[in-house]
Protein backbone atom coordinates (compact mmCIF):
# COMPACT_ATOMS: atom_id res chain seq x y z
CA MET A 1 99.77 93.65 121.55
CA LYS A 2 101.64 93.30 118.19
CA ILE A 3 98.23 92.17 116.46
CA LEU A 4 96.06 94.79 118.04
CA LYS A 5 98.96 97.53 116.79
CA LEU A 6 98.63 95.75 113.23
CA VAL A 7 94.65 95.58 112.96
CA LEU A 8 94.63 99.62 114.03
CA MET A 9 96.97 100.40 111.44
CA ILE A 10 95.04 98.30 108.80
CA VAL A 11 91.51 99.93 109.89
CA GLY A 12 93.18 103.11 109.78
CA VAL A 13 94.37 103.02 106.25
CA VAL A 14 91.24 101.21 105.25
CA LEU A 15 88.98 104.34 106.66
CA VAL A 16 91.21 107.03 105.44
CA VAL A 17 91.14 105.25 101.90
CA ILE A 18 87.37 105.00 101.97
CA GLY A 19 86.71 108.16 103.28
CA LEU A 20 89.00 109.80 100.49
CA TYR A 21 87.41 108.02 97.78
CA ASN A 22 83.75 109.02 99.17
CA ALA A 23 84.91 112.46 99.17
CA PHE A 24 86.45 112.78 95.80
CA VAL A 25 84.78 110.17 93.17
CA PRO A 26 81.82 111.26 91.65
CA GLN A 27 79.09 108.70 92.64
CA GLU A 28 76.53 107.65 90.06
CA VAL A 29 72.75 108.91 91.13
CA VAL A 30 70.45 108.27 88.50
CA SER A 31 70.82 106.37 85.03
CA ILE A 32 68.01 106.66 82.80
CA GLY A 33 68.57 105.28 79.64
CA PRO A 34 70.88 107.49 77.96
CA LEU A 35 70.56 110.20 80.60
CA GLU A 36 73.11 109.62 83.67
CA VAL A 37 73.09 112.16 86.27
CA ASN A 38 76.47 112.07 88.65
CA ALA A 39 76.88 113.96 91.93
CA LYS A 40 80.10 114.73 93.93
CA GLU A 41 78.91 114.22 97.43
CA GLY A 42 82.12 116.21 98.69
CA LEU A 43 83.31 116.49 102.33
CA SER A 44 80.02 115.65 104.22
CA ASN A 45 79.75 114.75 107.92
CA GLN A 46 80.00 111.00 107.63
CA THR A 47 83.10 111.31 105.09
CA LEU A 48 84.85 113.44 107.74
CA ALA A 49 84.27 111.03 110.66
CA MET A 50 85.58 108.43 108.73
CA ILE A 51 88.68 109.83 107.65
CA GLY A 52 89.14 111.18 111.23
CA LEU A 53 88.62 107.79 112.88
CA GLY A 54 91.06 106.66 110.47
CA ILE A 55 93.60 109.15 111.42
CA LEU A 56 92.98 108.47 115.05
CA ALA A 57 93.31 104.62 114.68
CA LEU A 58 96.71 105.00 112.86
CA ILE A 59 98.18 107.47 115.68
CA ALA A 60 96.96 104.81 118.05
CA GLY A 61 98.69 101.91 116.26
CA VAL A 62 101.68 103.81 116.23
CA LEU A 63 101.68 104.95 119.80
CA ILE A 64 100.56 101.55 121.25
CA LYS A 65 104.00 100.05 122.88
CA ASP A 66 104.97 96.49 122.66
CA ARG A 67 105.31 94.53 125.87
CA GLY A 68 108.53 93.28 126.47
């Protein structure tokens, strides 16, 4: 159970970080010579789902009790 708890915690943190990165860092969309177009995606459904799943994984990792 300790391994499952650790994996859930790591996956949760990674999902939250990736979700927040996608939400707040502008992504380069088009680059033609000196012209560069950037777009900020914002909080899309995919980003919100990633953050939500990360939070659920963190909560599950905290609530799992070790057998002892």
